[in-house]
Protein backbone atom coordinates (compact mmCIF):
# COMPACT_ATOMS: atom_id res chain seq x y z
CA MET A 1 97.87 108.19 109.82
CA HIS A 2 101.00 106.69 108.27
CA TRP A 3 100.47 104.95 104.95
CA ASP A 4 102.83 102.30 103.53
CA ILE A 5 102.54 103.42 99.92
CA ARG A 6 104.87 101.54 97.60
CA ARG A 7 105.03 100.83 93.89
CA HIS A 8 102.84 97.75 94.26
CA GLY A 9 99.81 97.33 96.49
CA GLN A 10 100.09 96.46 100.16
CA PRO A 11 97.47 95.22 102.61
CA ILE A 12 96.14 97.71 105.14
CA THR A 13 96.14 97.26 108.90
CA LEU A 14 93.09 97.14 111.12
CA GLU A 15 94.14 100.52 112.55
CA GLN A 16 94.24 102.00 109.04
CA TYR A 17 90.86 100.48 108.27
CA HIS A 18 89.37 102.06 111.38
CA SER A 19 90.75 105.47 110.35
CA LEU A 20 88.50 105.49 107.26
CA PRO A 21 85.55 107.89 107.36
CA GLU A 22 82.50 106.19 108.83
CA ALA A 23 80.11 108.31 106.81
CA PRO A 24 78.68 106.68 103.70
CA LEU A 25 80.29 107.79 100.47
CA GLU A 26 78.66 111.10 99.61
CA LEU A 27 78.94 113.70 96.87
CA ILE A 28 78.92 117.32 98.02
CA ALA A 29 79.41 120.14 95.51
CA GLY A 30 81.32 117.81 93.20
CA HIS A 31 83.56 116.37 95.94
CA LEU A 32 83.46 112.95 97.56
CA TYR A 33 82.88 113.53 101.26
CA GLY A 34 82.51 117.03 102.60
CA ARG A 35 85.90 117.23 104.30
CA GLN A 36 89.31 117.29 102.61
CA GLU A 37 90.68 115.25 105.53
CA HIS A 38 88.32 112.38 104.65
CA ARG A 39 89.27 112.51 100.96
CA VAL A 40 92.99 112.39 101.78
CA THR A 41 92.46 109.44 104.14
CA LEU A 42 90.53 107.57 101.46
CA LEU A 43 93.24 108.36 98.90
CA GLY A 44 95.96 107.11 101.25
CA VAL A 45 94.30 103.77 101.88
CA LEU A 46 93.57 103.26 98.19
CA LEU A 47 97.14 104.13 97.18
CA GLN A 48 98.48 101.69 99.75
CA ASN A 49 96.16 98.97 98.46
CA VAL A 50 96.79 99.44 94.73
CA GLY A 51 100.30 100.94 94.68
CA ILE A 52 101.82 103.97 92.97
CA ASP A 53 102.37 102.16 89.66
CA ALA A 54 98.60 101.81 89.22
CA ALA A 55 98.03 105.43 90.22
CA VAL A 56 100.50 106.98 87.77
CA ARG A 57 98.86 105.14 84.88
CA LEU A 58 95.66 107.10 85.57
CA GLY A 59 96.93 110.58 84.77
CA ASP A 60 99.19 112.59 82.52
CA LEU A 61 102.81 111.65 83.25
CA ALA A 62 103.90 115.29 82.85
CA VAL A 63 101.53 116.32 85.66
CA TRP A 64 102.95 113.61 87.95
CA LYS A 65 106.48 114.84 87.18
CA GLU A 66 105.48 118.44 87.94
CA ALA A 67 104.03 117.39 91.29
CA ILE A 68 107.18 115.44 92.19
CA ALA A 69 109.40 118.37 91.20
CA ALA A 70 107.28 120.75 93.31
CA ARG A 71 107.57 118.48 96.33
CA GLU A 72 111.33 118.12 95.86
CA ARG A 73 111.69 121.93 95.72
CA ALA A 74 109.55 122.34 98.84
CA GLU A 75 111.59 119.78 100.79
CA SER A 76 115.03 121.11 99.82
């Protein structure tokens, strides 16, 4: 699924909505949903809806910078 994740929140499409896991929210061994694929889908839709600016306020800025640097190295 392609997500339109920007700095500020965006509405989701009906297709994106239908890609969400149909299972009720569940906690399995400390993880929401049993499958990583479902967690990533949920994260994508939430990031599109709230935007990156809201997300980066939730964690340590140094950790965000490390993740960005790692991705830049992997893509170069």
